Amino acid sequence: MDFLIKYKKIFIIAGFILAVFIFAYLLYLMFFKPAPPPAVTTGQETPVGQGGLPISQTGTGQIIEPGSGQGGLLEPAAGETAPANPVAQGGLTQTTELNQIPALGATLAANGDDLLYYNKQDGGFYRLTKDGRSTLLSDAVFHEVEKITWSPDKNKAILEYPDQAKIIYDFKDSQQISLPKHWKDFSFSPDGSKIVMKSMAESIDNRWLAVINDQGTEARRVASLGDKDETVYPSWSPNNQTVAMYTEGIDFDRQYVFFVGLNEENFKALTIEGRGFIPQWSPQGDRLLYSVYTSSNDLKPELWIADAQGENIGAGRARLNIQTWADKCVFSSKTEIYCAVPERLEEGAGLFRELASGVKDNLFKIDTQTGARKLVAIPDGQFTMSDLIVSDNGSYLYFTDAATGRINKIKLK
């Protein structure tokens, strides 16, 4: 009995202490808990996404631009939504859908104004104007094309299918040439007369980086691939100096990039700070834009620029302080690029790109010489942008929405 009485007293004391804590917490909730922060209004600090970049507001109907009020937009009355500007001026911008059917392989036509694309629904190739008018490029039909590599003059394209079948199609002469299934990763020379690619035979000892002509013949071995397929990048430079690149690791976060010429040239190596290398040549082929991710930035992709010609390889290497992938950018001149930049990126997005699937992109312009960058447009829709294209006169930027496959237009000036 004494035992029960002793523990009964302990339970009563413990219950009393718990009741005191509960009562104190209720008093805190009623009288002392801070009020929630007010909704964002004009003049408050702009919320930022990854890399310190501004993001569009949700639930306010407004776009707040750093240091410029509404980015040139009139301030809406209470309950109204800020109008989208027809021309990109750094705020909410009209984004015009040019076709209703999922497209693939959109590219700028030879006239520098129209687009060429593959219609995934009917298997045809079309020419598309900036006003959204489509006309057939060819009467030929190609069902279930999976990948397209255009020649520089846009008269030919390499078409790849899910069953690994590949052809070169000449739109000018309406001719088709079949290629071996074990060839892949094609890149045309600047004049379109040759193609660099990987020949992936079943035997590792018989895998080669090779060059063929635009008829798919006269194959010439350039370098042995062995088991290094994933670290070799066929990409014919615009200045005709190199035909491919390959990487070798230095440590966890650093790699060498080696450049491959046609005649066993001994080019200098470029040191890059990161993994997940995605390159893009400048129009003149003298500089290389690329993206990599590192452990120091939560494995998110970052843009870099470096000289990549002759003795200058590696000079001028600089981080551009933009978190996106190089293939979401396009050169509009020798030194300026437009990039689709996700409003947010999850940790590990560089390693697992699908983490950025469905994330809205905003459009930025970056000067690759000075590193200066500015927000150009916040599209008036939930677009994940790919295949960015700028018209030759710099008036329009086209992109394909990754979710719908439809081609869209933003007026730049």
Protein backbone atom coordinates (compact mmCIF):
# COMPACT_ATOMS: atom_id res chain seq x y z
CA MET A 1 0.00 0.00 0.00
CA ASP A 2 2.78 2.42 0.86
CA PHE A 3 4.25 1.63 -2.56
CA LEU A 4 1.01 2.62 -4.36
CA ILE A 5 0.56 5.77 -2.28
CA LYS A 6 4.13 6.84 -3.02
CA TYR A 7 3.71 6.52 -6.83
CA LYS A 8 0.22 8.05 -6.74
CA LYS A 9 1.76 11.22 -5.29
CA ILE A 10 4.42 11.22 -8.04
CA PHE A 11 1.75 10.95 -10.77
CA ILE A 12 -0.26 13.78 -9.24
CA ILE A 13 2.82 16.07 -9.13
CA ALA A 14 3.78 15.18 -12.73
CA GLY A 15 0.22 15.84 -13.89
CA PHE A 16 0.24 19.22 -12.18
CA ILE A 17 3.52 20.23 -13.87
CA LEU A 18 2.21 19.15 -17.29
CA ALA A 19 -0.97 21.16 -16.76
CA VAL A 20 1.13 24.24 -15.92
CA PHE A 21 3.11 23.89 -19.16
CA ILE A 22 -0.08 23.48 -21.24
CA PHE A 23 -1.65 26.53 -19.60
CA ALA A 24 1.49 28.60 -20.22
CA TYR A 25 1.57 27.57 -23.90
CA LEU A 26 -2.08 28.56 -24.34
CA LEU A 27 -1.32 31.97 -22.83
CA TYR A 28 1.58 32.33 -25.33
CA LEU A 29 -0.68 31.53 -28.28
CA MET A 30 -3.35 33.99 -27.15
CA PHE A 31 -1.26 36.97 -26.11
CA PHE A 32 2.44 36.71 -27.05
CA LYS A 33 2.87 34.83 -30.39
CA PRO A 34 4.03 37.26 -33.16
CA ALA A 35 1.49 38.03 -35.89
CA PRO A 36 2.16 36.54 -39.35
CA PRO A 37 4.07 38.82 -41.76
CA PRO A 38 1.92 41.05 -43.98
CA ALA A 39 1.38 40.19 -47.65
CA VAL A 40 3.93 41.51 -50.13
CA THR A 41 3.03 44.93 -51.48
CA THR A 42 4.68 47.39 -53.82
CA GLY A 43 7.88 48.78 -52.39
CA GLN A 44 8.79 45.77 -50.27
CA GLU A 45 11.89 43.69 -50.78
CA THR A 46 11.76 41.39 -53.79
CA PRO A 47 11.65 37.66 -52.96
CA VAL A 48 14.48 35.80 -54.57
CA GLY A 49 14.97 32.34 -55.98
CA GLN A 50 18.18 30.41 -56.48
CA GLY A 51 21.30 32.43 -57.09
CA GLY A 52 19.66 35.58 -55.67
CA LEU A 53 17.43 35.93 -58.76
CA PRO A 54 13.99 37.58 -58.51
CA ILE A 55 10.93 35.36 -58.83
CA SER A 56 7.33 36.07 -59.77
CA GLN A 57 4.88 36.68 -56.94
CA THR A 58 1.99 34.36 -56.21
CA GLY A 59 -1.33 35.51 -54.86
CA THR A 60 -0.59 39.26 -55.18
CA GLY A 61 -1.24 39.77 -58.88
CA GLN A 62 1.94 41.85 -59.07
CA ILE A 63 5.54 41.47 -60.18
CA ILE A 64 8.03 43.22 -57.93
CA GLU A 65 11.29 44.15 -59.63
CA PRO A 66 14.38 45.06 -57.58
CA GLY A 67 15.04 48.78 -57.51
CA SER A 68 12.40 49.63 -60.11
CA GLY A 69 8.98 49.35 -58.54
CA GLN A 70 6.92 47.38 -61.03
CA GLY A 71 9.61 47.05 -63.69
CA GLY A 72 8.00 49.74 -65.83
CA LEU A 73 4.45 48.38 -65.38
CA LEU A 74 1.59 50.54 -64.16
CA GLU A 75 0.61 49.77 -60.59
CA PRO A 76 -2.72 47.91 -60.63
CA ALA A 77 -5.67 48.91 -58.52
CA ALA A 78 -6.62 46.74 -55.57
CA GLY A 79 -7.73 43.29 -56.71
CA GLU A 80 -6.47 43.74 -60.28
CA THR A 81 -3.62 41.93 -62.01
CA ALA A 82 -0.65 43.81 -63.51
CA PRO A 83 -0.91 43.77 -67.33
CA ALA A 84 1.72 41.85 -69.28
CA ASN A 85 3.97 44.06 -71.37
CA PRO A 86 3.94 43.20 -75.12
CA VAL A 87 7.71 43.84 -75.25
CA ALA A 88 10.25 42.41 -72.79
CA GLN A 89 11.23 45.12 -70.31
CA GLY A 90 12.12 43.13 -67.23
CA GLY A 91 8.64 42.46 -65.88
CA LEU A 92 5.63 40.34 -66.76
CA THR A 93 5.79 39.81 -70.52
CA GLN A 94 3.30 38.59 -73.11
CA THR A 95 4.24 35.13 -74.32
CA THR A 96 2.56 34.09 -77.57
CA GLU A 97 1.91 30.45 -78.43
CA LEU A 98 2.65 29.87 -82.14
CA ASN A 99 1.41 26.31 -82.64
CA GLN A 100 -1.03 23.92 -81.01
CA ILE A 101 0.78 20.65 -81.74
CA PRO A 102 3.82 19.25 -79.85
CA ALA A 103 6.99 20.08 -81.76
CA LEU A 104 10.50 18.64 -81.80
CA GLY A 105 13.83 19.96 -83.03
CA ALA A 106 12.83 23.58 -83.57
CA THR A 107 15.61 25.55 -85.27
CA LEU A 108 16.09 28.90 -86.98
CA ALA A 109 15.56 28.73 -90.73
CA ALA A 110 18.23 29.91 -93.16
CA ASN A 111 16.45 33.27 -93.59
CA GLY A 112 17.14 34.05 -89.93
CA ASP A 113 13.49 34.81 -89.19
CA ASP A 114 11.31 31.70 -89.60
CA LEU A 115 11.53 28.45 -87.68
CA LEU A 116 11.68 24.85 -88.87
CA TYR A 117 10.26 22.08 -86.71
CA TYR A 118 8.97 18.51 -86.65
CA ASN A 119 5.28 17.92 -85.90
CA LYS A 120 5.13 15.01 -83.47
CA GLN A 121 1.47 14.37 -84.25
CA ASP A 122 1.47 13.96 -88.05
CA GLY A 123 5.19 13.23 -88.64
CA GLY A 124 5.73 16.18 -90.99
CA PHE A 125 8.32 18.96 -91.06
CA TYR A 126 7.05 22.54 -91.17
CA ARG A 127 8.17 26.12 -91.61
CA LEU A 128 6.72 28.48 -88.98
CA THR A 129 6.58 32.28 -89.21
CA LYS A 130 6.65 34.70 -86.29
CA ASP A 131 2.92 35.23 -86.89
CA GLY A 132 2.19 31.54 -86.30
CA ARG A 133 1.59 30.50 -89.93
CA SER A 134 2.80 26.96 -90.71
CA THR A 135 3.57 25.49 -94.13
CA LEU A 136 4.90 22.06 -95.02
CA LEU A 137 8.64 21.91 -95.56
CA SER A 138 8.41 18.54 -97.30
CA ASP A 139 5.72 16.10 -98.41
CA ALA A 140 7.66 13.27 -96.76
CA VAL A 141 6.30 11.85 -93.51
CA PHE A 142 8.53 10.52 -90.73
CA HIS A 143 6.71 8.74 -87.93
CA GLU A 144 7.99 8.70 -84.33
CA VAL A 145 11.20 10.67 -84.80
CA GLU A 146 12.96 10.90 -81.43
CA LYS A 147 15.94 13.18 -82.08
CA ILE A 148 16.93 15.67 -84.80
CA THR A 149 20.35 17.10 -85.70
CA TRP A 150 20.19 19.90 -88.28
CA SER A 151 22.95 20.86 -90.73
CA PRO A 152 24.05 24.51 -90.50
CA ASP A 153 22.33 25.42 -93.79
CA LYS A 154 19.16 23.59 -92.63
CA ASN A 155 18.93 21.67 -95.92
CA LYS A 156 19.66 18.36 -94.20
CA ALA A 157 18.91 16.71 -90.89
CA ILE A 158 19.84 13.47 -89.14
CA LEU A 159 16.70 11.78 -87.82
CA GLU A 160 16.84 9.16 -85.06
CA TYR A 161 14.11 6.70 -84.10
CA PRO A 162 13.26 4.73 -80.92
CA ASP A 163 14.47 1.46 -82.51
CA GLN A 164 17.92 3.07 -83.05
CA ALA A 165 17.35 3.47 -86.81
CA LYS A 166 18.96 6.64 -88.21
CA ILE A 167 18.77 8.45 -91.54
CA ILE A 168 20.11 11.59 -93.19
CA TYR A 169 17.30 13.37 -95.02
CA ASP A 170 17.98 15.99 -97.69
CA PHE A 171 15.01 18.38 -97.78
CA LYS A 172 16.32 20.17 -100.84
CA ASP A 173 16.65 17.06 -103.02
CA SER A 174 14.12 14.86 -101.16
CA GLN A 175 16.70 12.11 -100.66
CA GLN A 176 17.11 9.70 -97.75
CA ILE A 177 20.26 7.90 -96.63
CA SER A 178 20.26 5.16 -93.99
CA LEU A 179 22.98 5.08 -91.33
CA PRO A 180 24.20 2.19 -89.14
CA LYS A 181 22.27 1.79 -85.89
CA HIS A 182 25.44 1.78 -83.79
CA TRP A 183 26.32 5.35 -84.83
CA LYS A 184 25.21 8.13 -82.48
CA ASP A 185 25.86 11.65 -81.07
CA PHE A 186 26.17 13.48 -84.39
CA SER A 187 27.53 17.00 -84.96
CA PHE A 188 27.86 18.74 -88.37
CA SER A 189 30.92 20.69 -89.46
CA PRO A 190 30.41 24.47 -89.92
CA ASP A 191 29.95 24.09 -93.71
CA GLY A 192 27.74 21.02 -93.31
CA SER A 193 29.90 18.82 -95.51
CA LYS A 194 31.11 16.49 -92.72
CA ILE A 195 29.74 14.94 -89.55
CA VAL A 196 31.54 13.83 -86.40
CA MET A 197 29.95 10.98 -84.43
CA LYS A 198 30.53 7.95 -82.21
CA SER A 199 30.71 4.48 -83.75
CA MET A 200 29.65 2.20 -80.90
CA ALA A 201 30.45 -1.35 -82.03
CA GLU A 202 29.64 -4.24 -79.71
CA SER A 203 33.31 -4.76 -78.95
CA ILE A 204 34.85 -2.07 -76.72
CA ASP A 205 38.06 -2.33 -78.74
CA ASN A 206 36.20 -1.32 -81.90
CA ARG A 207 34.47 1.84 -80.66
CA TRP A 208 35.63 5.06 -82.29
CA LEU A 209 35.13 8.77 -82.55
CA ALA A 210 34.84 9.11 -86.33
CA VAL A 211 34.08 11.55 -89.14
CA ILE A 212 31.89 10.88 -92.21
CA ASN A 213 30.73 13.04 -95.10
CA ASP A 214 27.17 14.35 -95.43
CA GLN A 215 26.28 11.30 -97.53
CA GLY A 216 27.15 8.98 -94.66
CA THR A 217 30.23 7.57 -96.37
CA GLU A 218 34.04 7.89 -96.27
CA ALA A 219 34.21 7.10 -92.54
CA ARG A 220 37.50 8.12 -90.95
CA ARG A 221 38.60 7.18 -87.44
CA VAL A 222 39.70 10.08 -85.25
CA ALA A 223 40.25 8.56 -81.79
CA SER A 224 39.52 5.35 -79.91
CA LEU A 225 36.60 5.55 -77.46
CA GLY A 226 37.03 2.28 -75.58
CA ASP A 227 34.79 2.47 -72.51
CA LYS A 228 34.86 6.30 -72.34
CA ASP A 229 31.59 6.92 -74.20
CA GLU A 230 29.94 8.94 -71.42
CA THR A 231 32.82 11.41 -71.11
CA VAL A 232 33.26 12.15 -74.84
CA TYR A 233 31.29 15.03 -76.41
CA PRO A 234 31.23 15.28 -80.23
CA SER A 235 30.81 19.00 -80.97
CA TRP A 236 32.37 20.50 -84.09
CA SER A 237 33.61 23.98 -83.20
CA PRO A 238 32.35 26.89 -85.35
CA ASN A 239 35.96 27.89 -86.12
CA ASN A 240 36.67 24.36 -87.46
CA GLN A 241 39.54 23.89 -84.98
CA THR A 242 38.19 20.91 -82.98
CA VAL A 243 35.55 18.22 -83.45
CA ALA A 244 35.01 16.91 -79.92
CA MET A 245 35.85 17.23 -76.24
CA TYR A 246 36.41 14.70 -73.49
CA THR A 247 36.74 15.00 -69.73
CA GLU A 248 38.99 13.38 -67.12
CA GLY A 249 38.52 13.74 -63.38
CA ILE A 250 41.09 15.48 -61.18
CA ASP A 251 39.26 15.12 -57.88
CA PHE A 252 35.65 15.05 -56.69
CA ASP A 253 34.81 18.56 -57.97
CA ARG A 254 37.39 19.24 -60.69
CA GLN A 255 37.96 17.89 -64.19
CA TYR A 256 40.12 18.47 -67.23
CA VAL A 257 38.45 19.13 -70.59
CA PHE A 258 40.59 18.01 -73.54
CA PHE A 259 39.93 19.17 -77.11
CA VAL A 260 40.15 16.78 -80.07
CA GLY A 261 41.20 17.89 -83.55
CA LEU A 262 41.25 15.96 -86.81
CA ASN A 263 45.03 15.71 -87.01
CA GLU A 264 46.15 14.67 -83.52
CA GLU A 265 46.84 18.25 -82.45
CA ASN A 266 48.12 18.73 -78.91
CA PHE A 267 45.72 21.33 -77.53
CA LYS A 268 45.91 22.73 -74.01
CA ALA A 269 43.46 21.35 -71.44
CA LEU A 270 40.75 23.41 -69.77
CA THR A 271 40.29 22.92 -66.01
CA ILE A 272 36.65 23.06 -64.92
CA GLU A 273 35.28 23.33 -61.38
CA GLY A 274 32.56 20.71 -61.29
CA ARG A 275 30.83 17.69 -62.80
CA GLY A 276 27.88 17.26 -65.17
CA PHE A 277 29.67 19.12 -67.99
CA ILE A 278 27.30 20.57 -70.64
CA PRO A 279 29.10 22.71 -73.28
CA GLN A 280 27.96 25.23 -75.87
CA TRP A 281 30.22 27.03 -78.37
CA SER A 282 30.10 30.76 -78.95
CA PRO A 283 29.18 31.70 -82.58
CA GLN A 284 32.86 32.30 -83.47
CA GLY A 285 34.12 29.18 -81.70
CA ASP A 286 36.65 31.12 -79.63
CA ARG A 287 34.84 30.75 -76.28
CA LEU A 288 33.01 27.96 -74.53
CA LEU A 289 29.93 28.40 -72.36
CA TYR A 290 29.36 25.46 -70.05
CA SER A 291 27.49 24.39 -66.95
CA VAL A 292 28.68 22.17 -64.10
CA TYR A 293 27.60 21.35 -60.55
CA THR A 294 29.71 21.05 -57.41
CA SER A 295 29.33 19.89 -53.82
CA SER A 296 29.88 23.48 -52.66
CA ASN A 297 26.64 24.72 -54.27
CA ASP A 298 24.32 21.84 -53.33
CA LEU A 299 24.92 20.09 -56.68
CA LYS A 300 23.04 22.76 -58.64
CA PRO A 301 24.14 23.65 -62.21
CA GLU A 302 26.11 26.87 -62.66
CA LEU A 303 27.19 28.69 -65.81
CA TRP A 304 30.85 29.36 -66.64
CA ILE A 305 32.61 30.91 -69.64
CA ALA A 306 36.19 30.38 -70.83
CA ASP A 307 38.39 30.99 -73.85
CA ALA A 308 38.69 27.81 -75.89
CA GLN A 309 40.84 28.56 -78.92
CA GLY A 310 44.50 27.79 -79.56
CA GLU A 311 46.94 29.03 -76.97
CA ASN A 312 44.17 30.95 -75.18
CA ILE A 313 42.39 27.79 -74.03
CA GLY A 314 41.48 28.25 -70.36
CA ALA A 315 42.10 32.00 -70.29
CA GLY A 316 39.34 34.29 -69.09
CA ARG A 317 37.58 31.49 -67.22
CA ALA A 318 34.82 32.98 -65.08
CA ARG A 319 31.71 31.95 -63.17
CA LEU A 320 28.64 33.85 -64.41
CA ASN A 321 26.71 33.47 -61.13
CA ILE A 322 23.63 32.04 -62.85
CA GLN A 323 22.21 28.67 -61.87
CA THR A 324 20.90 26.94 -64.97
CA TRP A 325 22.10 24.57 -67.68
CA ALA A 326 24.12 25.69 -70.71
CA ASP A 327 21.64 24.04 -73.09
CA LYS A 328 18.95 26.40 -71.75
CA CYS A 329 20.92 29.35 -73.17
CA VAL A 330 21.44 30.83 -76.63
CA PHE A 331 24.07 33.25 -77.94
CA SER A 332 22.51 36.39 -79.44
CA SER A 333 25.89 37.91 -80.30
CA LYS A 334 29.57 37.20 -79.76
CA THR A 335 29.40 38.15 -76.09
CA GLU A 336 25.73 38.13 -75.04
CA ILE A 337 23.49 35.22 -74.18
CA TYR A 338 19.87 34.74 -73.20
CA CYS A 339 19.17 32.03 -70.62
CA ALA A 340 16.07 30.40 -69.20
CA VAL A 341 16.67 30.39 -65.44
CA PRO A 342 14.50 28.30 -63.09
CA GLU A 343 12.82 30.29 -60.31
CA ARG A 344 13.98 27.62 -57.88
CA LEU A 345 16.25 24.60 -57.95
CA GLU A 346 16.22 21.75 -55.48
CA GLU A 347 19.45 20.45 -53.98
CA GLY A 348 20.91 17.86 -56.37
CA ALA A 349 19.20 19.26 -59.50
CA GLY A 350 22.49 19.20 -61.38
CA LEU A 351 22.81 15.48 -60.75
CA PHE A 352 19.09 14.70 -61.14
CA ARG A 353 17.75 17.12 -63.73
CA GLU A 354 14.20 15.80 -63.39
CA LEU A 355 14.02 17.72 -60.09
CA ALA A 356 13.57 20.87 -62.20
CA SER A 357 10.78 19.39 -64.29
CA GLY A 358 7.78 21.71 -64.28
CA VAL A 359 9.61 24.59 -62.59
CA LYS A 360 8.86 27.96 -64.17
CA ASP A 361 11.71 29.72 -66.01
CA ASN A 362 12.38 33.43 -66.31
CA LEU A 363 14.46 34.96 -69.10
CA PHE A 364 17.80 36.61 -68.34
CA LYS A 365 20.38 38.34 -70.52
CA ILE A 366 24.05 37.95 -69.58
CA ASP A 367 27.14 39.72 -70.88
CA THR A 368 29.76 36.96 -70.91
CA GLN A 369 32.64 39.48 -70.92
CA THR A 370 31.61 41.58 -67.93
CA GLY A 371 29.36 39.10 -66.14
CA ALA A 372 26.58 41.69 -66.00
CA ARG A 373 23.14 40.12 -66.01
CA LYS A 374 19.59 41.40 -66.00
CA LEU A 375 16.09 40.01 -65.90
CA VAL A 376 14.58 40.46 -69.37
CA ALA A 377 11.17 38.86 -69.07
CA ILE A 378 8.88 36.97 -66.72
CA PRO A 379 6.67 34.99 -69.13
CA ASP A 380 2.94 35.31 -68.44
CA GLY A 381 2.51 31.57 -68.04
CA GLN A 382 3.97 28.54 -66.30
CA PHE A 383 6.65 27.70 -68.89
CA THR A 384 9.65 25.42 -68.55
CA MET A 385 11.71 26.71 -71.46
CA SER A 386 13.91 24.67 -73.81
CA ASP A 387 15.51 25.08 -77.27
CA LEU A 388 15.90 28.87 -77.03
CA ILE A 389 16.26 30.60 -80.42
CA VAL A 390 16.86 34.29 -81.20
CA SER A 391 15.97 35.71 -84.62
CA ASP A 392 18.86 37.19 -86.58
CA ASN A 393 17.53 40.73 -86.12
CA GLY A 394 17.31 40.22 -82.35
CA SER A 395 13.61 41.11 -82.24
CA TYR A 396 12.19 37.79 -81.11
CA LEU A 397 13.09 34.93 -78.80
CA TYR A 398 11.44 31.57 -79.44
CA PHE A 399 11.33 28.60 -77.10
CA THR A 400 9.64 25.23 -76.74
CA ASP A 401 7.62 24.62 -73.60
CA ALA A 402 8.88 21.35 -72.11
CA ALA A 403 5.45 20.46 -70.70
CA THR A 404 3.37 20.89 -73.88
CA GLY A 405 5.98 20.74 -76.65
CA ARG A 406 4.48 23.90 -78.15
CA ILE A 407 6.57 26.73 -79.60
CA ASN A 408 6.23 30.18 -78.01
CA LYS A 409 7.46 33.67 -78.80
CA ILE A 410 8.63 36.62 -76.69
CA LYS A 411 9.11 40.01 -78.36
CA LEU A 412 12.48 41.42 -77.30
CA LYS A 413 12.22 44.82 -79.01
